[in-house]
């Protein structure tokens, strides 16, 4: 693979208006051929998507997806520029696919890395800095390792950075860019909510074996009480008692 210089990436960026990382990837895919790389970007819809990214997208749809069994549900808002595009089947299909993507990604919490609050990033850094495998590393090496791990972790939280479930060769962000190129409008995933049945409810923990044993013991005791024979009176003692009373009641002559 040809070495891709920063100057070459800059030149392609100025020519196409695509992002730095997209330009670098295009050049890598085309062995540094800037003409072929520009064509690659056009085919992927990246160049036109970048140019439209600054346009206002206030229309769109709120889509939903309920997974089989009704235990996971998703709501997602995806914006476009016009109501005409929002009502089209292509846009509806995109919204539904994004909703399905969210349902399939339990770790995703934000639309993009830029949406992650600074305090979350700081917390992740503290966790990584405290890892035992970094204890004996020099500070400068530790910092680089931690930075790499944090970037990876933040992407795990970002929807747009996930591999698209229907085509693992592209990310959700690239899926959106392809749709921008196809539909001719700026498209933005604005927000989403993921619902999991019973999430956050504290469930009572029980020992099933003990519960069965207790229930079995209760049933056994109840059966024993029910089938226990009733105490019969002592007929012999009763006869003697009657005789005593009979004798005691007679008068002497």
C-alpha atoms as a PDB file:
ATOM      1  CA  UNK A   1       0.000   0.000   0.000  1.00  0.00           C
ATOM      2  CA  UNK A   2       1.311   3.437  -0.972  1.00  0.00           C
ATOM      3  CA  UNK A   3       2.254   5.843   1.799  1.00  0.00           C
ATOM      4  CA  UNK A   4      -0.372   8.556   2.160  1.00  0.00           C
ATOM      5  CA  UNK A   5       1.123  11.941   2.975  1.00  0.00           C
ATOM      6  CA  UNK A   6      -0.666  14.714   4.818  1.00  0.00           C
ATOM      7  CA  UNK A   7      -0.191  16.968   1.801  1.00  0.00           C
ATOM      8  CA  UNK A   8      -1.978  14.479  -0.458  1.00  0.00           C
ATOM      9  CA  UNK A   9      -4.880  14.231   2.002  1.00  0.00           C
ATOM     10  CA  UNK A  10      -5.099  18.028   2.163  1.00  0.00           C
ATOM     11  CA  UNK A  11      -5.134  18.297  -1.623  1.00  0.00           C
ATOM     12  CA  UNK A  12      -7.975  15.772  -1.936  1.00  0.00           C
ATOM     13  CA  UNK A  13      -9.910  17.526   0.826  1.00  0.00           C
ATOM     14  CA  UNK A  14      -9.646  20.878  -0.961  1.00  0.00           C
ATOM     15  CA  UNK A  15     -10.753  19.257  -4.196  1.00  0.00           C
ATOM     16  CA  UNK A  16     -13.763  17.345  -2.862  1.00  0.00           C
ATOM     17  CA  UNK A  17     -14.749  19.045   0.406  1.00  0.00           C
ATOM     18  CA  UNK A  18     -14.752  15.661   2.157  1.00  0.00           C
ATOM     19  CA  UNK A  19     -13.455  15.152   5.708  1.00  0.00           C
ATOM     20  CA  UNK A  20      -9.815  14.406   6.465  1.00  0.00           C
ATOM     21  CA  UNK A  21     -10.410  10.810   7.529  1.00  0.00           C
ATOM     22  CA  UNK A  22     -12.634  10.135   4.511  1.00  0.00           C
ATOM     23  CA  UNK A  23      -9.974  11.539   2.198  1.00  0.00           C
ATOM     24  CA  UNK A  24      -7.277   9.433   3.815  1.00  0.00           C
ATOM     25  CA  UNK A  25      -9.410   6.295   3.507  1.00  0.00           C
ATOM     26  CA  UNK A  26     -10.172   7.062  -0.157  1.00  0.00           C
ATOM     27  CA  UNK A  27      -6.476   7.464  -0.926  1.00  0.00           C
ATOM     28  CA  UNK A  28      -5.659   4.220   0.885  1.00  0.00           C
ATOM     29  CA  UNK A  29      -8.331   2.396  -1.100  1.00  0.00           C
ATOM     30  CA  UNK A  30      -6.925   3.747  -4.394  1.00  0.00           C
ATOM     31  CA  UNK A  31      -3.191   3.436  -3.584  1.00  0.00           C
ATOM     32  CA  UNK A  32      -2.686   7.197  -3.468  1.00  0.00           C
ATOM     33  CA  UNK A  33      -4.307   7.975  -6.828  1.00  0.00           C
ATOM     34  CA  UNK A  34      -5.989  11.327  -6.179  1.00  0.00           C
ATOM     35  CA  UNK A  35      -8.230  11.156  -9.256  1.00  0.00           C
ATOM     36  CA  UNK A  36      -9.427   7.661  -8.393  1.00  0.00           C
ATOM     37  CA  UNK A  37      -9.820   8.715  -4.759  1.00  0.00           C
ATOM     38  CA  UNK A  38     -12.098  11.599  -5.741  1.00  0.00           C
ATOM     39  CA  UNK A  39     -14.186   9.175  -7.793  1.00  0.00           C
ATOM     40  CA  UNK A  40     -14.283   6.761  -4.841  1.00  0.00           C
ATOM     41  CA  UNK A  41     -15.605   9.546  -2.613  1.00  0.00           C
ATOM     42  CA  UNK A  42     -18.289  10.476  -5.137  1.00  0.00           C
ATOM     43  CA  UNK A  43     -19.431   6.864  -5.379  1.00  0.00           C
ATOM     44  CA  UNK A  44     -19.676   6.635  -1.618  1.00  0.00           C
ATOM     45  CA  UNK A  45     -21.517   9.936  -1.485  1.00  0.00           C
ATOM     46  CA  UNK A  46     -19.010  11.352   0.984  1.00  0.00           C
ATOM     47  CA  UNK A  47     -18.003  14.444  -0.968  1.00  0.00           C
ATOM     48  CA  UNK A  48     -21.554  15.676  -1.570  1.00  0.00           C
ATOM     49  CA  UNK A  49     -22.520  14.801   2.005  1.00  0.00           C
ATOM     50  CA  UNK A  50     -19.810  17.013   3.471  1.00  0.00           C
ATOM     51  CA  UNK A  51     -20.935  19.965   1.345  1.00  0.00           C
ATOM     52  CA  UNK A  52     -24.545  19.578   2.530  1.00  0.00           C
ATOM     53  CA  UNK A  53     -23.676  19.084   6.209  1.00  0.00           C
ATOM     54  CA  UNK A  54     -24.053  22.770   7.085  1.00  0.00           C
ATOM     55  CA  UNK A  55     -27.559  23.127   5.672  1.00  0.00           C
ATOM     56  CA  UNK A  56     -30.516  23.311   8.060  1.00  0.00           C
ATOM     57  CA  UNK A  57     -32.387  20.043   8.552  1.00  0.00           C
ATOM     58  CA  UNK A  58     -35.613  20.726  10.454  1.00  0.00           C
ATOM     59  CA  UNK A  59     -37.975  18.248   8.804  1.00  0.00           C
ATOM     60  CA  UNK A  60     -37.836  14.465   9.068  1.00  0.00           C
ATOM     61  CA  UNK A  61     -39.420  11.664  11.034  1.00  0.00           C
ATOM     62  CA  UNK A  62     -39.603  10.158  14.490  1.00  0.00           C
ATOM     63  CA  UNK A  63     -39.289   6.441  13.825  1.00  0.00           C
ATOM     64  CA  UNK A  64     -39.870   3.469  16.095  1.00  0.00           C
ATOM     65  CA  UNK A  65     -38.867  -0.165  16.257  1.00  0.00           C
ATOM     66  CA  UNK A  66     -40.112  -2.878  18.607  1.00  0.00           C
ATOM     67  CA  UNK A  67     -38.004  -6.018  18.653  1.00  0.00           C
ATOM     68  CA  UNK A  68     -39.659  -9.430  18.428  1.00  0.00           C
ATOM     69  CA  UNK A  69     -41.124 -10.369  21.806  1.00  0.00           C
ATOM     70  CA  UNK A  70     -41.733  -6.761  22.830  1.00  0.00           C
ATOM     71  CA  UNK A  71     -38.803  -6.603  25.277  1.00  0.00           C
ATOM     72  CA  UNK A  72     -36.790  -3.898  23.451  1.00  0.00           C
ATOM     73  CA  UNK A  73     -38.147  -0.712  21.890  1.00  0.00           C
ATOM     74  CA  UNK A  74     -36.532   2.285  20.188  1.00  0.00           C
ATOM     75  CA  UNK A  75     -37.572   5.824  19.284  1.00  0.00           C
ATOM     76  CA  UNK A  76     -35.294   7.866  17.016  1.00  0.00           C
ATOM     77  CA  UNK A  77     -35.537  11.301  15.404  1.00  0.00           C
ATOM     78  CA  UNK A  78     -33.862  11.686  12.030  1.00  0.00           C
ATOM     79  CA  UNK A  79     -33.944  15.082  10.316  1.00  0.00           C
ATOM     80  CA  UNK A  80     -33.829  16.124   6.662  1.00  0.00           C
ATOM     81  CA  UNK A  81     -34.419  19.414   4.856  1.00  0.00           C
ATOM     82  CA  UNK A  82     -37.891  19.009   3.339  1.00  0.00           C
ATOM     83  CA  UNK A  83     -41.152  17.282   4.106  1.00  0.00           C
ATOM     84  CA  UNK A  84     -41.106  15.882   0.560  1.00  0.00           C
ATOM     85  CA  UNK A  85     -38.012  13.773   1.305  1.00  0.00           C
ATOM     86  CA  UNK A  86     -39.288  12.876   4.785  1.00  0.00           C
ATOM     87  CA  UNK A  87     -42.411  11.283   3.261  1.00  0.00           C
ATOM     88  CA  UNK A  88     -40.409   9.248   0.755  1.00  0.00           C
ATOM     89  CA  UNK A  89     -39.891   5.496   1.106  1.00  0.00           C
ATOM     90  CA  UNK A  90     -36.085   5.796   0.960  1.00  0.00           C
ATOM     91  CA  UNK A  91     -35.988   8.114   3.946  1.00  0.00           C
ATOM     92  CA  UNK A  92     -38.484   6.004   5.890  1.00  0.00           C
ATOM     93  CA  UNK A  93     -36.344   2.940   5.219  1.00  0.00           C
ATOM     94  CA  UNK A  94     -33.253   4.778   6.495  1.00  0.00           C
ATOM     95  CA  UNK A  95     -35.029   5.806   9.710  1.00  0.00           C
ATOM     96  CA  UNK A  96     -36.241   2.244  10.300  1.00  0.00           C
ATOM     97  CA  UNK A  97     -32.758   0.810   9.700  1.00  0.00           C
ATOM     98  CA  UNK A  98     -31.238   3.270  12.165  1.00  0.00           C
ATOM     99  CA  UNK A  99     -33.870   2.339  14.761  1.00  0.00           C
ATOM    100  CA  UNK A 100     -33.035  -1.343  14.272  1.00  0.00           C
ATOM    101  CA  UNK A 101     -29.336  -0.505  14.627  1.00  0.00           C
ATOM    102  CA  UNK A 102     -29.976   1.153  18.000  1.00  0.00           C
ATOM    103  CA  UNK A 103     -31.971  -1.863  19.184  1.00  0.00           C
ATOM    104  CA  UNK A 104     -29.030  -4.108  18.284  1.00  0.00           C
ATOM    105  CA  UNK A 105     -26.439  -1.969  20.123  1.00  0.00           C
ATOM    106  CA  UNK A 106     -27.004  -2.068  23.904  1.00  0.00           C
ATOM    107  CA  UNK A 107     -23.792  -0.108  24.654  1.00  0.00           C
ATOM    108  CA  UNK A 108     -24.640   2.887  22.455  1.00  0.00           C
ATOM    109  CA  UNK A 109     -25.700   5.960  24.459  1.00  0.00           C
ATOM    110  CA  UNK A 110     -24.944   8.960  22.213  1.00  0.00           C
ATOM    111  CA  UNK A 111     -25.414   9.899  18.555  1.00  0.00           C
ATOM    112  CA  UNK A 112     -21.762  10.849  18.012  1.00  0.00           C
ATOM    113  CA  UNK A 113     -18.540  11.162  20.000  1.00  0.00           C
ATOM    114  CA  UNK A 114     -18.865  14.965  20.109  1.00  0.00           C
ATOM    115  CA  UNK A 115     -22.105  14.561  22.107  1.00  0.00           C
ATOM    116  CA  UNK A 116     -20.399  12.720  24.977  1.00  0.00           C
ATOM    117  CA  UNK A 117     -20.182  15.017  28.066  1.00  0.00           C
ATOM    118  CA  UNK A 118     -16.670  16.019  29.253  1.00  0.00           C
ATOM    119  CA  UNK A 119     -17.309  14.462  32.670  1.00  0.00           C
ATOM    120  CA  UNK A 120     -17.920  11.069  31.032  1.00  0.00           C
ATOM    121  CA  UNK A 121     -14.658  11.387  29.091  1.00  0.00           C
ATOM    122  CA  UNK A 122     -12.811  12.356  32.277  1.00  0.00           C
ATOM    123  CA  UNK A 123     -14.277   9.385  34.145  1.00  0.00           C
ATOM    124  CA  UNK A 124     -13.143   7.021  31.391  1.00  0.00           C
ATOM    125  CA  UNK A 125      -9.657   8.526  31.581  1.00  0.00           C
ATOM    126  CA  UNK A 126      -9.489   7.992  35.344  1.00  0.00           C
ATOM    127  CA  UNK A 127     -10.522   4.359  34.920  1.00  0.00           C
ATOM    128  CA  UNK A 128      -7.917   3.712  32.239  1.00  0.00           C
ATOM    129  CA  UNK A 129      -5.143   5.514  34.129  1.00  0.00           C
ATOM    130  CA  UNK A 130      -5.778   3.242  37.103  1.00  0.00           C
ATOM    131  CA  UNK A 131      -5.375  -0.022  35.156  1.00  0.00           C
ATOM    132  CA  UNK A 132      -2.829  -2.368  36.721  1.00  0.00           C
ATOM    133  CA  UNK A 133      -1.173  -3.198  33.389  1.00  0.00           C
ATOM    134  CA  UNK A 134      -0.055   0.442  33.092  1.00  0.00           C
ATOM    135  CA  UNK A 135       1.373   0.779  36.597  1.00  0.00           C
ATOM    136  CA  UNK A 136       5.025   0.415  35.547  1.00  0.00           C
ATOM    137  CA  UNK A 137       4.790   2.309  32.251  1.00  0.00           C
ATOM    138  CA  UNK A 138       6.522   5.696  31.833  1.00  0.00           C
ATOM    139  CA  UNK A 139       4.069   8.614  31.952  1.00  0.00           C
ATOM    140  CA  UNK A 140       4.460   9.547  28.280  1.00  0.00           C
ATOM    141  CA  UNK A 141       3.828   5.955  27.137  1.00  0.00           C
ATOM    142  CA  UNK A 142       0.952   5.571  29.579  1.00  0.00           C
ATOM    143  CA  UNK A 143      -0.676   8.747  28.236  1.00  0.00           C
ATOM    144  CA  UNK A 144      -0.579   7.488  24.635  1.00  0.00           C
ATOM    145  CA  UNK A 145      -1.996   4.080  25.574  1.00  0.00           C
ATOM    146  CA  UNK A 146      -4.757   5.653  27.647  1.00  0.00           C
ATOM    147  CA  UNK A 147      -5.646   8.066  24.842  1.00  0.00           C
ATOM    148  CA  UNK A 148      -5.982   5.186  22.382  1.00  0.00           C
ATOM    149  CA  UNK A 149      -8.163   3.211  24.763  1.00  0.00           C
ATOM    150  CA  UNK A 150     -10.387   6.203  25.492  1.00  0.00           C
ATOM    151  CA  UNK A 151     -10.919   6.884  21.784  1.00  0.00           C
ATOM    152  CA  UNK A 152     -11.925   3.275  21.302  1.00  0.00           C
ATOM    153  CA  UNK A 153     -14.267   3.375  24.297  1.00  0.00           C
ATOM    154  CA  UNK A 154     -15.953   6.601  23.168  1.00  0.00           C
ATOM    155  CA  UNK A 155     -16.603   5.125  19.734  1.00  0.00           C
ATOM    156  CA  UNK A 156     -18.300   2.174  21.423  1.00  0.00           C
ATOM    157  CA  UNK A 157     -20.742   4.669  22.957  1.00  0.00           C
ATOM    158  CA  UNK A 158     -21.364   6.464  19.648  1.00  0.00           C
ATOM    159  CA  UNK A 159     -24.131   5.373  17.268  1.00  0.00           C
ATOM    160  CA  UNK A 160     -22.544   6.832  14.128  1.00  0.00           C
ATOM    161  CA  UNK A 161     -19.301   4.938  14.758  1.00  0.00           C
ATOM    162  CA  UNK A 162     -20.961   1.499  14.890  1.00  0.00           C
ATOM    163  CA  UNK A 163     -20.555  -0.964  12.009  1.00  0.00           C
ATOM    164  CA  UNK A 164     -23.851  -1.016  10.142  1.00  0.00           C
ATOM    165  CA  UNK A 165     -25.696  -4.242  11.031  1.00  0.00           C
ATOM    166  CA  UNK A 166     -26.686  -4.929   7.405  1.00  0.00           C
ATOM    167  CA  UNK A 167     -23.254  -4.197   5.944  1.00  0.00           C
ATOM    168  CA  UNK A 168     -20.310  -4.514   8.320  1.00  0.00           C
ATOM    169  CA  UNK A 169     -18.015  -2.855   5.764  1.00  0.00           C
ATOM    170  CA  UNK A 170     -19.503   0.572   6.454  1.00  0.00           C
ATOM    171  CA  UNK A 171     -20.363   2.533   9.574  1.00  0.00           C
ATOM    172  CA  UNK A 172     -23.729   4.087  10.411  1.00  0.00           C
ATOM    173  CA  UNK A 173     -22.182   7.467   9.592  1.00  0.00           C
ATOM    174  CA  UNK A 174     -21.264   6.239   6.110  1.00  0.00           C
ATOM    175  CA  UNK A 175     -24.801   4.880   5.688  1.00  0.00           C
ATOM    176  CA  UNK A 176     -26.172   8.351   6.427  1.00  0.00           C
ATOM    177  CA  UNK A 177     -23.715   9.950   3.996  1.00  0.00           C
ATOM    178  CA  UNK A 178     -24.761   7.550   1.247  1.00  0.00           C
ATOM    179  CA  UNK A 179     -28.379   8.519   1.880  1.00  0.00           C
ATOM    180  CA  UNK A 180     -27.450  12.207   1.674  1.00  0.00           C
ATOM    181  CA  UNK A 181     -25.874  11.610  -1.728  1.00  0.00           C
ATOM    182  CA  UNK A 182     -28.879   9.615  -2.922  1.00  0.00           C
ATOM    183  CA  UNK A 183     -31.620  11.929  -1.607  1.00  0.00           C
ATOM    184  CA  UNK A 184     -29.794  15.209  -2.175  1.00  0.00           C
ATOM    185  CA  UNK A 185     -30.466  16.687   1.265  1.00  0.00           C
ATOM    186  CA  UNK A 186     -28.652  17.088   4.549  1.00  0.00           C
ATOM    187  CA  UNK A 187     -29.653  14.275   6.924  1.00  0.00           C
ATOM    188  CA  UNK A 188     -28.899  14.247  10.635  1.00  0.00           C
ATOM    189  CA  UNK A 189     -29.633  11.727  13.382  1.00  0.00           C
ATOM    190  CA  UNK A 190     -30.710  14.062  16.167  1.00  0.00           C
ATOM    191  CA  UNK A 191     -31.586  11.912  19.178  1.00  0.00           C
ATOM    192  CA  UNK A 192     -32.845   8.519  20.268  1.00  0.00           C
ATOM    193  CA  UNK A 193     -34.140   6.556  23.254  1.00  0.00           C
ATOM    194  CA  UNK A 194     -33.773   2.822  23.853  1.00  0.00           C
ATOM    195  CA  UNK A 195     -36.185   0.994  26.159  1.00  0.00           C
ATOM    196  CA  UNK A 196     -35.521  -2.397  27.712  1.00  0.00           C
ATOM    197  CA  UNK A 197     -38.356  -4.151  29.532  1.00  0.00           C
ATOM    198  CA  UNK A 198     -37.844  -4.084  33.303  1.00  0.00           C
ATOM    199  CA  UNK A 199     -34.687  -1.990  33.103  1.00  0.00           C
ATOM    200  CA  UNK A 200     -34.044  -0.113  36.363  1.00  0.00           C
ATOM    201  CA  UNK A 201     -36.557  -2.113  38.382  1.00  0.00           C
ATOM    202  CA  UNK A 202     -35.048  -3.866  41.390  1.00  0.00           C
ATOM    203  CA  UNK A 203     -36.116  -7.469  41.187  1.00  0.00           C
ATOM    204  CA  UNK A 204     -36.563  -9.621  44.307  1.00  0.00           C
ATOM    205  CA  UNK A 205     -33.926 -12.326  44.451  1.00  0.00           C
ATOM    206  CA  UNK A 206     -35.152 -15.689  45.702  1.00  0.00           C
ATOM    207  CA  UNK A 207     -33.517 -19.066  46.190  1.00  0.00           C
ATOM    208  CA  UNK A 208     -35.636 -21.315  43.998  1.00  0.00           C
ATOM    209  CA  UNK A 209     -34.544 -24.513  45.786  1.00  0.00           C
ATOM    210  CA  UNK A 210     -35.430 -23.118  49.200  1.00  0.00           C
ATOM    211  CA  UNK A 211     -38.721 -21.783  47.882  1.00  0.00           C
ATOM    212  CA  UNK A 212     -39.672 -25.218  46.505  1.00  0.00           C
ATOM    213  CA  UNK A 213     -38.597 -26.922  49.731  1.00  0.00           C
ATOM    214  CA  UNK A 214     -40.622 -24.488  51.810  1.00  0.00           C
ATOM    215  CA  UNK A 215     -43.689 -24.944  49.640  1.00  0.00           C
ATOM    216  CA  UNK A 216     -43.282 -28.729  49.746  1.00  0.00           C
ATOM    217  CA  UNK A 217     -42.926 -28.661  53.541  1.00  0.00           C
ATOM    218  CA  UNK A 218     -46.057 -26.555  53.928  1.00  0.00           C
ATOM    219  CA  UNK A 219     -48.059 -28.901  51.704  1.00  0.00           C
ATOM    220  CA  UNK A 220     -46.820 -31.972  53.597  1.00  0.00           C
ATOM    221  CA  UNK A 221     -47.746 -30.448  56.946  1.00  0.00           C
ATOM    222  CA  UNK A 222     -51.190 -29.527  55.660  1.00  0.00           C
ATOM    223  CA  UNK A 223     -51.761 -33.061  54.369  1.00  0.00           C
ATOM    224  CA  UNK A 224     -50.619 -34.567  57.676  1.00  0.00           C
ATOM    225  CA  UNK A 225     -52.977 -32.316  59.630  1.00  0.00           C
ATOM    226  CA  UNK A 226     -55.838 -33.185  57.312  1.00  0.00           C
ATOM    227  CA  UNK A 227     -55.279 -36.945  57.418  1.00  0.00           C
ATOM    228  CA  UNK A 228     -54.456 -37.203  61.150  1.00  0.00           C
ATOM    229  CA  UNK A 229     -57.048 -39.538  62.845  1.00  0.00           C
ATOM    230  CA  UNK A 230     -59.302 -37.987  65.448  1.00  0.00           C
ATOM    231  CA  UNK A 231     -58.683 -39.048  69.074  1.00  0.00           C
ATOM    232  CA  UNK A 232     -61.271 -41.664  70.179  1.00  0.00           C
ATOM    233  CA  UNK A 233     -62.604 -41.561  73.759  1.00  0.00           C
ATOM    234  CA  UNK A 234     -61.347 -44.245  76.207  1.00  0.00           C
ATOM    235  CA  UNK A 235     -64.524 -46.425  76.475  1.00  0.00           C
ATOM    236  CA  UNK A 236     -63.061 -48.532  79.275  1.00  0.00           C
ATOM    237  CA  UNK A 237     -62.383 -45.519  81.467  1.00  0.00           C
ATOM    238  CA  UNK A 238     -65.823 -44.161  80.720  1.00  0.00           C
ATOM    239  CA  UNK A 239     -67.503 -47.451  81.803  1.00  0.00           C
ATOM    240  CA  UNK A 240     -65.571 -47.536  85.109  1.00  0.00           C
ATOM    241  CA  UNK A 241     -66.542 -43.965  85.807  1.00  0.00           C
ATOM    242  CA  UNK A 242     -70.201 -44.733  85.212  1.00  0.00           C
ATOM    243  CA  UNK A 243     -70.024 -47.761  87.573  1.00  0.00           C
ATOM    244  CA  UNK A 244     -68.530 -45.610  90.303  1.00  0.00           C
ATOM    245  CA  UNK A 245     -71.280 -43.090  89.985  1.00  0.00           C
ATOM    246  CA  UNK A 246     -73.893 -45.842  89.956  1.00  0.00           C
ATOM    247  CA  UNK A 247     -72.530 -47.424  93.157  1.00  0.00           C
ATOM    248  CA  UNK A 248     -72.053 -44.165  94.887  1.00  0.00           C
ATOM    249  CA  UNK A 249     -75.633 -43.186  94.232  1.00  0.00           C
ATOM    250  CA  UNK A 250     -77.257 -46.223  96.006  1.00  0.00           C
ATOM    251  CA  UNK A 251     -78.523 -45.859  99.599  1.00  0.00           C
ATOM    252  CA  UNK A 252     -77.531 -48.381 102.298  1.00  0.00           C
ATOM    253  CA  UNK A 253     -80.374 -50.341 103.867  1.00  0.00           C
END
